[in-house]
Amino acid sequence: ESGGGLVQPGGSLRLSCVVSGRSFSIYPMGWYRQGPGQQREWVAT
């Protein structure tokens, strides 16, 4: 993953995730997040 950083409220960021290996296109891909003191949660698929 890449693209994280510090941003002000109301701002934008674009995260990227490069995957090695073959057959990338056949897999579902998801984003998850884990905030401070929190459990990991699903964001998008």
ModelCIF file with pLDDT and N, C-alpha, C, O atoms, coordinates in Angstrom:
data_MODEL
#
_entry.id   MODEL 
#
_entity.id                         1 
_entity.type                       polymer 
_entity.pdbx_number_of_molecules   1 
#
_entity_poly.entity_id                      1 
_entity_poly.type                           'polypeptide(L)' 
_entity_poly.nstd_linkage                   no 
_entity_poly.nstd_monomer                   no 
_entity_poly.pdbx_seq_one_letter_code       ESGGGLVQPGGSLRLSCVVSGRSFSIYPMGWYRQGPGQQREWVAT 
_entity_poly.pdbx_seq_one_letter_code_can   ESGGGLVQPGGSLRLSCVVSGRSFSIYPMGWYRQGPGQQREWVAT 
_entity_poly.pdbx_strand_id                 A 
#
loop_
_entity_poly_seq.entity_id 
_entity_poly_seq.num 
_entity_poly_seq.mon_id 
_entity_poly_seq.hetero 
1 1  GLU n 
1 2  SER n 
1 3  GLY n 
1 4  GLY n 
1 5  GLY n 
1 6  LEU n 
1 7  VAL n 
1 8  GLN n 
1 9  PRO n 
1 10 GLY n 
1 11 GLY n 
1 12 SER n 
1 13 LEU n 
1 14 ARG n 
1 15 LEU n 
1 16 SER n 
1 17 CYS n 
1 18 VAL n 
1 19 VAL n 
1 20 SER n 
1 21 GLY n 
1 22 ARG n 
1 23 SER n 
1 24 PHE n 
1 25 SER n 
1 26 ILE n 
1 27 TYR n 
1 28 PRO n 
1 29 MET n 
1 30 GLY n 
1 31 TRP n 
1 32 TYR n 
1 33 ARG n 
1 34 GLN n 
1 35 GLY n 
1 36 PRO n 
1 37 GLY n 
1 38 GLN n 
1 39 GLN n 
1 40 ARG n 
1 41 GLU n 
1 42 TRP n 
1 43 VAL n 
1 44 ALA n 
1 45 THR n 
#
_struct_asym.id          A 
_struct_asym.entity_id   1 
#
loop_
_ma_qa_metric.id 
_ma_qa_metric.mode 
_ma_qa_metric.name 
_ma_qa_metric.software_group_id 
_ma_qa_metric.type 
1 global pLDDT . pLDDT 
2 local  pLDDT . pLDDT 
#
_ma_qa_metric_global.metric_id      1 
_ma_qa_metric_global.metric_value   96.76 
_ma_qa_metric_global.model_id       1 
_ma_qa_metric_global.ordinal_id     1 
#
loop_
_ma_qa_metric_local.label_asym_id 
_ma_qa_metric_local.label_comp_id 
_ma_qa_metric_local.label_seq_id 
_ma_qa_metric_local.metric_id 
_ma_qa_metric_local.metric_value 
_ma_qa_metric_local.model_id 
_ma_qa_metric_local.ordinal_id 
A GLU 1  2 98.00 1 1  
A SER 2  2 98.00 1 2  
A GLY 3  2 98.00 1 3  
A GLY 4  2 98.00 1 4  
A GLY 5  2 98.00 1 5  
A LEU 6  2 98.00 1 6  
A VAL 7  2 98.00 1 7  
A GLN 8  2 98.00 1 8  
A PRO 9  2 98.00 1 9  
A GLY 10 2 98.00 1 10 
A GLY 11 2 98.00 1 11 
A SER 12 2 98.00 1 12 
A LEU 13 2 98.00 1 13 
A ARG 14 2 98.00 1 14 
A LEU 15 2 98.00 1 15 
A SER 16 2 98.00 1 16 
A CYS 17 2 98.00 1 17 
A VAL 18 2 98.00 1 18 
A VAL 19 2 97.00 1 19 
A SER 20 2 96.00 1 20 
A GLY 21 2 87.00 1 21 
A ARG 22 2 88.00 1 22 
A SER 23 2 91.00 1 23 
A PHE 24 2 95.00 1 24 
A SER 25 2 96.00 1 25 
A ILE 26 2 95.00 1 26 
A TYR 27 2 96.00 1 27 
A PRO 28 2 97.00 1 28 
A MET 29 2 98.00 1 29 
A GLY 30 2 98.00 1 30 
A TRP 31 2 98.00 1 31 
A TYR 32 2 98.00 1 32 
A ARG 33 2 98.00 1 33 
A GLN 34 2 98.00 1 34 
A GLY 35 2 97.00 1 35 
A PRO 36 2 93.00 1 36 
A GLY 37 2 94.00 1 37 
A GLN 38 2 96.00 1 38 
A GLN 39 2 97.00 1 39 
A ARG 40 2 97.00 1 40 
A GLU 41 2 98.00 1 41 
A TRP 42 2 98.00 1 42 
A VAL 43 2 98.00 1 43 
A ALA 44 2 98.00 1 44 
A THR 45 2 98.00 1 45 
#
loop_
_atom_site.group_PDB 
_atom_site.id 
_atom_site.type_symbol 
_atom_site.label_atom_id 
_atom_site.label_alt_id 
_atom_site.label_comp_id 
_atom_site.label_asym_id 
_atom_site.label_entity_id 
_atom_site.label_seq_id 
_atom_site.pdbx_PDB_ins_code 
_atom_site.Cartn_x 
_atom_site.Cartn_y 
_atom_site.Cartn_z 
_atom_site.occupancy 
_atom_site.B_iso_or_equiv 
_atom_site.pdbx_formal_charge 
_atom_site.auth_seq_id 
_atom_site.auth_comp_id 
_atom_site.auth_asym_id 
_atom_site.auth_atom_id 
_atom_site.pdbx_PDB_model_num 
ATOM 1   N N  . GLU A 1 1  ? 0.832   -1.202  0.000   1.00 98.00 ? 1  GLU A N  1 
ATOM 2   C CA . GLU A 1 1  ? 0.000   0.000   0.000   1.00 98.00 ? 1  GLU A CA 1 
ATOM 3   C C  . GLU A 1 1  ? 0.869   1.256   0.000   1.00 98.00 ? 1  GLU A C  1 
ATOM 4   O O  . GLU A 1 1  ? 1.994   1.245   0.500   1.00 98.00 ? 1  GLU A O  1 
ATOM 5   N N  . SER A 1 2  ? 0.339   2.325   -0.560  1.00 98.00 ? 2  SER A N  1 
ATOM 6   C CA . SER A 1 2  ? 1.007   3.618   -0.535  1.00 98.00 ? 2  SER A CA 1 
ATOM 7   C C  . SER A 1 2  ? -0.036  4.717   -0.657  1.00 98.00 ? 2  SER A C  1 
ATOM 8   O O  . SER A 1 2  ? -1.201  4.458   -0.960  1.00 98.00 ? 2  SER A O  1 
ATOM 9   N N  . GLY A 1 3  ? 0.405   5.956   -0.416  1.00 98.00 ? 3  GLY A N  1 
ATOM 10  C CA . GLY A 1 3  ? -0.477  7.099   -0.592  1.00 98.00 ? 3  GLY A CA 1 
ATOM 11  C C  . GLY A 1 3  ? -1.000  7.709   0.685   1.00 98.00 ? 3  GLY A C  1 
ATOM 12  O O  . GLY A 1 3  ? -1.685  8.731   0.646   1.00 98.00 ? 3  GLY A O  1 
ATOM 13  N N  . GLY A 1 4  ? -0.691  7.103   1.822   1.00 98.00 ? 4  GLY A N  1 
ATOM 14  C CA . GLY A 1 4  ? -1.137  7.679   3.085   1.00 98.00 ? 4  GLY A CA 1 
ATOM 15  C C  . GLY A 1 4  ? -0.365  8.940   3.424   1.00 98.00 ? 4  GLY A C  1 
ATOM 16  O O  . GLY A 1 4  ? 0.613   9.291   2.764   1.00 98.00 ? 4  GLY A O  1 
ATOM 17  N N  . GLY A 1 5  ? -0.830  9.615   4.472   1.00 98.00 ? 5  GLY A N  1 
ATOM 18  C CA . GLY A 1 5  ? -0.170  10.832  4.908   1.00 98.00 ? 5  GLY A CA 1 
ATOM 19  C C  . GLY A 1 5  ? -1.056  11.659  5.803   1.00 98.00 ? 5  GLY A C  1 
ATOM 20  O O  . GLY A 1 5  ? -2.094  11.195  6.275   1.00 98.00 ? 5  GLY A O  1 
ATOM 21  N N  . LEU A 1 6  ? -0.638  12.885  6.034   1.00 98.00 ? 6  LEU A N  1 
ATOM 22  C CA . LEU A 1 6  ? -1.384  13.823  6.861   1.00 98.00 ? 6  LEU A CA 1 
ATOM 23  C C  . LEU A 1 6  ? -2.216  14.729  5.962   1.00 98.00 ? 6  LEU A C  1 
ATOM 24  O O  . LEU A 1 6  ? -1.701  15.305  5.004   1.00 98.00 ? 6  LEU A O  1 
ATOM 25  N N  . VAL A 1 7  ? -3.492  14.853  6.271   1.00 98.00 ? 7  VAL A N  1 
ATOM 26  C CA . VAL A 1 7  ? -4.380  15.706  5.480   1.00 98.00 ? 7  VAL A CA 1 
ATOM 27  C C  . VAL A 1 7  ? -5.337  16.422  6.423   1.00 98.00 ? 7  VAL A C  1 
ATOM 28  O O  . VAL A 1 7  ? -5.688  15.902  7.482   1.00 98.00 ? 7  VAL A O  1 
ATOM 29  N N  . GLN A 1 8  ? -5.751  17.605  6.032   1.00 98.00 ? 8  GLN A N  1 
ATOM 30  C CA . GLN A 1 8  ? -6.688  18.365  6.848   1.00 98.00 ? 8  GLN A CA 1 
ATOM 31  C C  . GLN A 1 8  ? -8.113  17.855  6.645   1.00 98.00 ? 8  GLN A C  1 
ATOM 32  O O  . GLN A 1 8  ? -8.431  17.296  5.596   1.00 98.00 ? 8  GLN A O  1 
ATOM 33  N N  . PRO A 1 9  ? -8.961  18.044  7.639   1.00 98.00 ? 9  PRO A N  1 
ATOM 34  C CA . PRO A 1 9  ? -10.373 17.668  7.459   1.00 98.00 ? 9  PRO A CA 1 
ATOM 35  C C  . PRO A 1 9  ? -10.952 18.327  6.208   1.00 98.00 ? 9  PRO A C  1 
ATOM 36  O O  . PRO A 1 9  ? -10.707 19.499  5.923   1.00 98.00 ? 9  PRO A O  1 
ATOM 37  N N  . GLY A 1 10 ? -11.722 17.536  5.480   1.00 98.00 ? 10 GLY A N  1 
ATOM 38  C CA . GLY A 1 10 ? -12.277 17.994  4.220   1.00 98.00 ? 10 GLY A CA 1 
ATOM 39  C C  . GLY A 1 10 ? -11.394 17.731  3.020   1.00 98.00 ? 10 GLY A C  1 
ATOM 40  O O  . GLY A 1 10 ? -11.822 17.921  1.881   1.00 98.00 ? 10 GLY A O  1 
ATOM 41  N N  . GLY A 1 11 ? -10.181 17.301  3.255   1.00 98.00 ? 11 GLY A N  1 
ATOM 42  C CA . GLY A 1 11 ? -9.244  17.040  2.178   1.00 98.00 ? 11 GLY A CA 1 
ATOM 43  C C  . GLY A 1 11 ? -9.434  15.673  1.542   1.00 98.00 ? 11 GLY A C  1 
ATOM 44  O O  . GLY A 1 11 ? -10.353 14.927  1.880   1.00 98.00 ? 11 GLY A O  1 
ATOM 45  N N  . SER A 1 12 ? -8.530  15.364  0.604   1.00 98.00 ? 12 SER A N  1 
ATOM 46  C CA . SER A 1 12 ? -8.603  14.114  -0.153  1.00 98.00 ? 12 SER A CA 1 
ATOM 47  C C  . SER A 1 12 ? -7.251  13.428  -0.194  1.00 98.00 ? 12 SER A C  1 
ATOM 48  O O  . SER A 1 12 ? -6.200  14.064  -0.119  1.00 98.00 ? 12 SER A O  1 
ATOM 49  N N  . LEU A 1 13 ? -7.313  12.111  -0.317  1.00 98.00 ? 13 LEU A N  1 
ATOM 50  C CA . LEU A 1 13 ? -6.131  11.289  -0.551  1.00 98.00 ? 13 LEU A CA 1 
ATOM 51  C C  . LEU A 1 13 ? -6.530  10.154  -1.464  1.00 98.00 ? 13 LEU A C  1 
ATOM 52  O O  . LEU A 1 13 ? -7.691  9.745   -1.493  1.00 98.00 ? 13 LEU A O  1 
ATOM 53  N N  . ARG A 1 14 ? -5.561  9.641   -2.215  1.00 98.00 ? 14 ARG A N  1 
ATOM 54  C CA . ARG A 1 14 ? -5.784  8.417   -2.986  1.00 98.00 ? 14 ARG A CA 1 
ATOM 55  C C  . ARG A 1 14 ? -4.760  7.377   -2.573  1.00 98.00 ? 14 ARG A C  1 
ATOM 56  O O  . ARG A 1 14 ? -3.554  7.580   -2.707  1.00 98.00 ? 14 ARG A O  1 
ATOM 57  N N  . LEU A 1 15 ? -5.260  6.273   -2.074  1.00 98.00 ? 15 LEU A N  1 
ATOM 58  C CA . LEU A 1 15 ? -4.409  5.155   -1.702  1.00 98.00 ? 15 LEU A CA 1 
ATOM 59  C C  . LEU A 1 15 ? -4.280  4.201   -2.876  1.00 98.00 ? 15 LEU A C  1 
ATOM 60  O O  . LEU A 1 15 ? -5.203  4.048   -3.676  1.00 98.00 ? 15 LEU A O  1 
ATOM 61  N N  . SER A 1 16 ? -3.118  3.561   -2.968  1.00 98.00 ? 16 SER A N  1 
ATOM 62  C CA . SER A 1 16 ? -2.862  2.547   -3.984  1.00 98.00 ? 16 SER A CA 1 
ATOM 63  C C  . SER A 1 16 ? -2.379  1.282   -3.306  1.00 98.00 ? 16 SER A C  1 
ATOM 64  O O  . SER A 1 16 ? -1.760  1.323   -2.243  1.00 98.00 ? 16 SER A O  1 
ATOM 65  N N  . CYS A 1 17 ? -2.669  0.167   -3.934  1.00 98.00 ? 17 CYS A N  1 
ATOM 66  C CA . CYS A 1 17 ? -2.181  -1.123  -3.459  1.00 98.00 ? 17 CYS A CA 1 
ATOM 67  C C  . CYS A 1 17 ? -1.761  -1.928  -4.678  1.00 98.00 ? 17 CYS A C  1 
ATOM 68  O O  . CYS A 1 17 ? -2.589  -2.305  -5.507  1.00 98.00 ? 17 CYS A O  1 
ATOM 69  N N  . VAL A 1 18 ? -0.466  -2.185  -4.775  1.00 98.00 ? 18 VAL A N  1 
ATOM 70  C CA . VAL A 1 18 ? 0.068   -2.977  -5.881  1.00 98.00 ? 18 VAL A CA 1 
ATOM 71  C C  . VAL A 1 18 ? 0.232   -4.417  -5.415  1.00 98.00 ? 18 VAL A C  1 
ATOM 72  O O  . VAL A 1 18 ? 0.775   -4.678  -4.342  1.00 98.00 ? 18 VAL A O  1 
ATOM 73  N N  . VAL A 1 19 ? -0.242  -5.341  -6.232  1.00 97.00 ? 19 VAL A N  1 
ATOM 74  C CA . VAL A 1 19 ? -0.246  -6.763  -5.881  1.00 97.00 ? 19 VAL A CA 1 
ATOM 75  C C  . VAL A 1 19 ? 0.666   -7.525  -6.817  1.00 97.00 ? 19 VAL A C  1 
ATOM 76  O O  . VAL A 1 19 ? 0.532   -7.431  -8.037  1.00 97.00 ? 19 VAL A O  1 
ATOM 77  N N  . SER A 1 20 ? 1.593   -8.281  -6.252  1.00 96.00 ? 20 SER A N  1 
ATOM 78  C CA . SER A 1 20 ? 2.465   -9.109  -7.068  1.00 96.00 ? 20 SER A CA 1 
ATOM 79  C C  . SER A 1 20 ? 1.749   -10.388 -7.441  1.00 96.00 ? 20 SER A C  1 
ATOM 80  O O  . SER A 1 20 ? 0.681   -10.693 -6.910  1.00 96.00 ? 20 SER A O  1 
ATOM 81  N N  . GLY A 1 21 ? 2.333   -11.124 -8.344  1.00 87.00 ? 21 GLY A N  1 
ATOM 82  C CA . GLY A 1 21 ? 1.771   -12.416 -8.688  1.00 87.00 ? 21 GLY A CA 1 
ATOM 83  C C  . GLY A 1 21 ? 0.825   -12.353 -9.863  1.00 87.00 ? 21 GLY A C  1 
ATOM 84  O O  . GLY A 1 21 ? 0.565   -11.294 -10.434 1.00 87.00 ? 21 GLY A O  1 
ATOM 85  N N  . ARG A 1 22 ? 0.318   -13.524 -10.204 1.00 88.00 ? 22 ARG A N  1 
ATOM 86  C CA . ARG A 1 22 ? -0.522  -13.650 -11.385 1.00 88.00 ? 22 ARG A CA 1 
ATOM 87  C C  . ARG A 1 22 ? -2.002  -13.618 -11.028 1.00 88.00 ? 22 ARG A C  1 
ATOM 88  O O  . ARG A 1 22 ? -2.395  -13.722 -9.866  1.00 88.00 ? 22 ARG A O  1 
ATOM 89  N N  . SER A 1 23 ? -2.793  -13.471 -12.062 1.00 91.00 ? 23 SER A N  1 
ATOM 90  C CA . SER A 1 23 ? -4.244  -13.615 -11.952 1.00 91.00 ? 23 SER A CA 1 
ATOM 91  C C  . SER A 1 23 ? -4.888  -12.583 -11.043 1.00 91.00 ? 23 SER A C  1 
ATOM 92  O O  . SER A 1 23 ? -5.899  -12.868 -10.401 1.00 91.00 ? 23 SER A O  1 
ATOM 93  N N  . PHE A 1 24 ? -4.315  -11.389 -10.982 1.00 95.00 ? 24 PHE A N  1 
ATOM 94  C CA . PHE A 1 24 ? -4.888  -10.327 -10.145 1.00 95.00 ? 24 PHE A CA 1 
ATOM 95  C C  . PHE A 1 24 ? -6.364  -10.113 -10.470 1.00 95.00 ? 24 PHE A C  1 
ATOM 96  O O  . PHE A 1 24 ? -7.179  -9.899  -9.573  1.00 95.00 ? 24 PHE A O  1 
ATOM 97  N N  . SER A 1 25 ? -6.703  -10.170 -11.756 1.00 96.00 ? 25 SER A N  1 
ATOM 98  C CA . SER A 1 25 ? -8.041  -9.769  -12.176 1.00 96.00 ? 25 SER A CA 1 
ATOM 99  C C  . SER A 1 25 ? -9.142  -10.687 -11.663 1.00 96.00 ? 25 SER A C  1 
ATOM 100 O O  . SER A 1 25 ? -10.301 -10.275 -11.627 1.00 96.00 ? 25 SER A O  1 
ATOM 101 N N  . ILE A 1 26 ? -8.826  -11.906 -11.267 1.00 95.00 ? 26 ILE A N  1 
ATOM 102 C CA . ILE A 1 26 ? -9.873  -12.833 -10.853 1.00 95.00 ? 26 ILE A CA 1 
ATOM 103 C C  . ILE A 1 26 ? -10.251 -12.678 -9.387  1.00 95.00 ? 26 ILE A C  1 
ATOM 104 O O  . ILE A 1 26 ? -11.246 -13.246 -8.934  1.00 95.00 ? 26 ILE A O  1 
ATOM 105 N N  . TYR A 1 27 ? -9.459  -11.911 -8.645  1.00 96.00 ? 27 TYR A N  1 
ATOM 106 C CA . TYR A 1 27 ? -9.681  -11.808 -7.204  1.00 96.00 ? 27 TYR A CA 1 
ATOM 107 C C  . TYR A 1 27 ? -10.514 -10.584 -6.832  1.00 96.00 ? 27 TYR A C  1 
ATOM 108 O O  . TYR A 1 27 ? -10.340 -9.510  -7.409  1.00 96.00 ? 27 TYR A O  1 
ATOM 109 N N  . PRO A 1 28 ? -11.424 -10.750 -5.860  1.00 97.00 ? 28 PRO A N  1 
ATOM 110 C CA . PRO A 1 28 ? -11.986 -9.550  -5.244  1.00 97.00 ? 28 PRO A CA 1 
ATOM 111 C C  . PRO A 1 28 ? -10.914 -8.881  -4.405  1.00 97.00 ? 28 PRO A C  1 
ATOM 112 O O  . PRO A 1 28 ? -10.046 -9.546  -3.840  1.00 97.00 ? 28 PRO A O  1 
ATOM 113 N N  . MET A 1 29 ? -10.980 -7.575  -4.330  1.00 98.00 ? 29 MET A N  1 
ATOM 114 C CA . MET A 1 29 ? -10.019 -6.806  -3.548  1.00 98.00 ? 29 MET A CA 1 
ATOM 115 C C  . MET A 1 29 ? -10.770 -5.932  -2.550  1.00 98.00 ? 29 MET A C  1 
ATOM 116 O O  . MET A 1 29 ? -11.858 -5.434  -2.840  1.00 98.00 ? 29 MET A O  1 
ATOM 117 N N  . GLY A 1 30 ? -10.181 -5.754  -1.381  1.00 98.00 ? 30 GLY A N  1 
ATOM 118 C CA . GLY A 1 30 ? -10.846 -4.952  -0.360  1.00 98.00 ? 30 GLY A CA 1 
ATOM 119 C C  . GLY A 1 30 ? -9.894  -4.017  0.342   1.00 98.00 ? 30 GLY A C  1 
ATOM 120 O O  . GLY A 1 30 ? -8.682  -4.229  0.374   1.00 98.00 ? 30 GLY A O  1 
ATOM 121 N N  . TRP A 1 31 ? -10.473 -2.980  0.902   1.00 98.00 ? 31 TRP A N  1 
ATOM 122 C CA . TRP A 1 31 ? -9.747  -2.074  1.789   1.00 98.00 ? 31 TRP A CA 1 
ATOM 123 C C  . TRP A 1 31 ? -10.355 -2.186  3.186   1.00 98.00 ? 31 TRP A C  1 
ATOM 124 O O  . TRP A 1 31 ? -11.572 -2.253  3.357   1.00 98.00 ? 31 TRP A O  1 
ATOM 125 N N  . TYR A 1 32 ? -9.473  -2.204  4.169   1.00 98.00 ? 32 TYR A N  1 
ATOM 126 C CA . TYR A 1 32 ? -9.857  -2.237  5.572   1.00 98.00 ? 32 TYR A CA 1 
ATOM 127 C C  . TYR A 1 32 ? -9.068  -1.141  6.296   1.00 98.00 ? 32 TYR A C  1 
ATOM 128 O O  . TYR A 1 32 ? -8.108  -0.594  5.754   1.00 98.00 ? 32 TYR A O  1 
ATOM 129 N N  . ARG A 1 33 ? -9.481  -0.834  7.507   1.00 98.00 ? 33 ARG A N  1 
ATOM 130 C CA . ARG A 1 33 ? -8.736  0.147   8.278   1.00 98.00 ? 33 ARG A CA 1 
ATOM 131 C C  . ARG A 1 33 ? -8.792  -0.197  9.759   1.00 98.00 ? 33 ARG A C  1 
ATOM 132 O O  . ARG A 1 33 ? -9.711  -0.867  10.229  1.00 98.00 ? 33 ARG A O  1 
ATOM 133 N N  . GLN A 1 34 ? -7.784  0.281   10.481  1.00 98.00 ? 34 GLN A N  1 
ATOM 134 C CA . GLN A 1 34 ? -7.732  0.081   11.924  1.00 98.00 ? 34 GLN A CA 1 
ATOM 135 C C  . GLN A 1 34 ? -7.319  1.393   12.564  1.00 98.00 ? 34 GLN A C  1 
ATOM 136 O O  . GLN A 1 34 ? -6.181  1.841   12.427  1.00 98.00 ? 34 GLN A O  1 
ATOM 137 N N  . GLY A 1 35 ? -8.265  1.999   13.263  1.00 97.00 ? 35 GLY A N  1 
ATOM 138 C CA . GLY A 1 35 ? -7.993  3.250   13.951  1.00 97.00 ? 35 GLY A CA 1 
ATOM 139 C C  . GLY A 1 35 ? -7.330  3.016   15.291  1.00 97.00 ? 35 GLY A C  1 
ATOM 140 O O  . GLY A 1 35 ? -7.272  1.877   15.756  1.00 97.00 ? 35 GLY A O  1 
ATOM 141 N N  . PRO A 1 36 ? -6.830  4.064   15.922  1.00 93.00 ? 36 PRO A N  1 
ATOM 142 C CA . PRO A 1 36 ? -6.157  3.931   17.222  1.00 93.00 ? 36 PRO A CA 1 
ATOM 143 C C  . PRO A 1 36 ? -7.069  3.282   18.255  1.00 93.00 ? 36 PRO A C  1 
ATOM 144 O O  . PRO A 1 36 ? -8.178  3.756   18.501  1.00 93.00 ? 36 PRO A O  1 
ATOM 145 N N  . GLY A 1 37 ? -6.602  2.207   18.849  1.00 94.00 ? 37 GLY A N  1 
ATOM 146 C CA . GLY A 1 37 ? -7.372  1.528   19.879  1.00 94.00 ? 37 GLY A CA 1 
ATOM 147 C C  . GLY A 1 37 ? -8.615  0.822   19.385  1.00 94.00 ? 37 GLY A C  1 
ATOM 148 O O  . GLY A 1 37 ? -9.474  0.445   20.182  1.00 94.00 ? 37 GLY A O  1 
ATOM 149 N N  . GLN A 1 38 ? -8.722  0.639   18.080  1.00 96.00 ? 38 GLN A N  1 
ATOM 150 C CA . GLN A 1 38 ? -9.917  0.016   17.514  1.00 96.00 ? 38 GLN A CA 1 
ATOM 151 C C  . GLN A 1 38 ? -9.581  -1.280  16.804  1.00 96.00 ? 38 GLN A C  1 
ATOM 152 O O  . GLN A 1 38 ? -8.423  -1.561  16.497  1.00 96.00 ? 38 GLN A O  1 
ATOM 153 N N  . GLN A 1 39 ? -10.615 -2.062  16.550  1.00 97.00 ? 39 GLN A N  1 
ATOM 154 C CA . GLN A 1 39 ? -10.426 -3.273  15.765  1.00 97.00 ? 39 GLN A CA 1 
ATOM 155 C C  . GLN A 1 39 ? -10.413 -2.922  14.268  1.00 97.00 ? 39 GLN A C  1 
ATOM 156 O O  . GLN A 1 39 ? -10.933 -1.887  13.850  1.00 97.00 ? 39 GLN A O  1 
ATOM 157 N N  . ARG A 1 40 ? -9.811  -3.800  13.487  1.00 97.00 ? 40 ARG A N  1 
ATOM 158 C CA . ARG A 1 40 ? -9.800  -3.595  12.048  1.00 97.00 ? 40 ARG A CA 1 
ATOM 159 C C  . ARG A 1 40 ? -11.227 -3.699  11.526  1.00 97.00 ? 40 ARG A C  1 
ATOM 160 O O  . ARG A 1 40 ? -11.980 -4.589  11.920  1.00 97.00 ? 40 ARG A O  1 
ATOM 161 N N  . GLU A 1 41 ? -11.593 -2.776  10.630  1.00 98.00 ? 41 GLU A N  1 
ATOM 162 C CA . GLU A 1 41 ? -12.937 -2.787  10.072  1.00 98.00 ? 41 GLU A CA 1 
ATOM 163 C C  . GLU A 1 41 ? -12.875 -2.717  8.554   1.00 98.00 ? 41 GLU A C  1 
ATOM 164 O O  . GLU A 1 41 ? -11.941 -2.171  7.968   1.00 98.00 ? 41 GLU A O  1 
ATOM 165 N N  . TRP A 1 42 ? -13.897 -3.286  7.945   1.00 98.00 ? 42 TRP A N  1 
ATOM 166 C CA . TRP A 1 42 ? -14.025 -3.292  6.490   1.00 98.00 ? 42 TRP A CA 1 
ATOM 167 C C  . TRP A 1 42 ? -14.421 -1.898  6.016   1.00 98.00 ? 42 TRP A C  1 
ATOM 168 O O  . TRP A 1 42 ? -15.225 -1.216  6.652   1.00 98.00 ? 42 TRP A O  1 
ATOM 169 N N  . VAL A 1 43 ? -13.838 -1.484  4.880   1.00 98.00 ? 43 VAL A N  1 
ATOM 170 C CA . VAL A 1 43 ? -14.144 -0.179  4.296   1.00 98.00 ? 43 VAL A CA 1 
ATOM 171 C C  . VAL A 1 43 ? -14.858 -0.327  2.953   1.00 98.00 ? 43 VAL A C  1 
ATOM 172 O O  . VAL A 1 43 ? -15.916 0.265   2.737   1.00 98.00 ? 43 VAL A O  1 
ATOM 173 N N  . ALA A 1 44 ? -14.271 -1.127  2.049   1.00 98.00 ? 44 ALA A N  1 
ATOM 174 C CA . ALA A 1 44 ? -14.843 -1.233  0.707   1.00 98.00 ? 44 ALA A CA 1 
ATOM 175 C C  . ALA A 1 44 ? -14.326 -2.486  0.030   1.00 98.00 ? 44 ALA A C  1 
ATOM 176 O O  . ALA A 1 44 ? -13.262 -3.003  0.368   1.00 98.00 ? 44 ALA A O  1 
ATOM 177 N N  . THR A 1 45 ? -15.103 -2.967  -0.936  1.00 98.00 ? 45 THR A N  1 
ATOM 178 C CA . THR A 1 45 ? -14.732 -4.137  -1.721  1.00 98.00 ? 45 THR A CA 1 
ATOM 179 C C  . THR A 1 45 ? -15.049 -3.885  -3.182  1.00 98.00 ? 45 THR A C  1 
ATOM 180 O O  . THR A 1 45 ? -14.812 -4.751  -4.023  1.00 98.00 ? 45 THR A O  1 
#
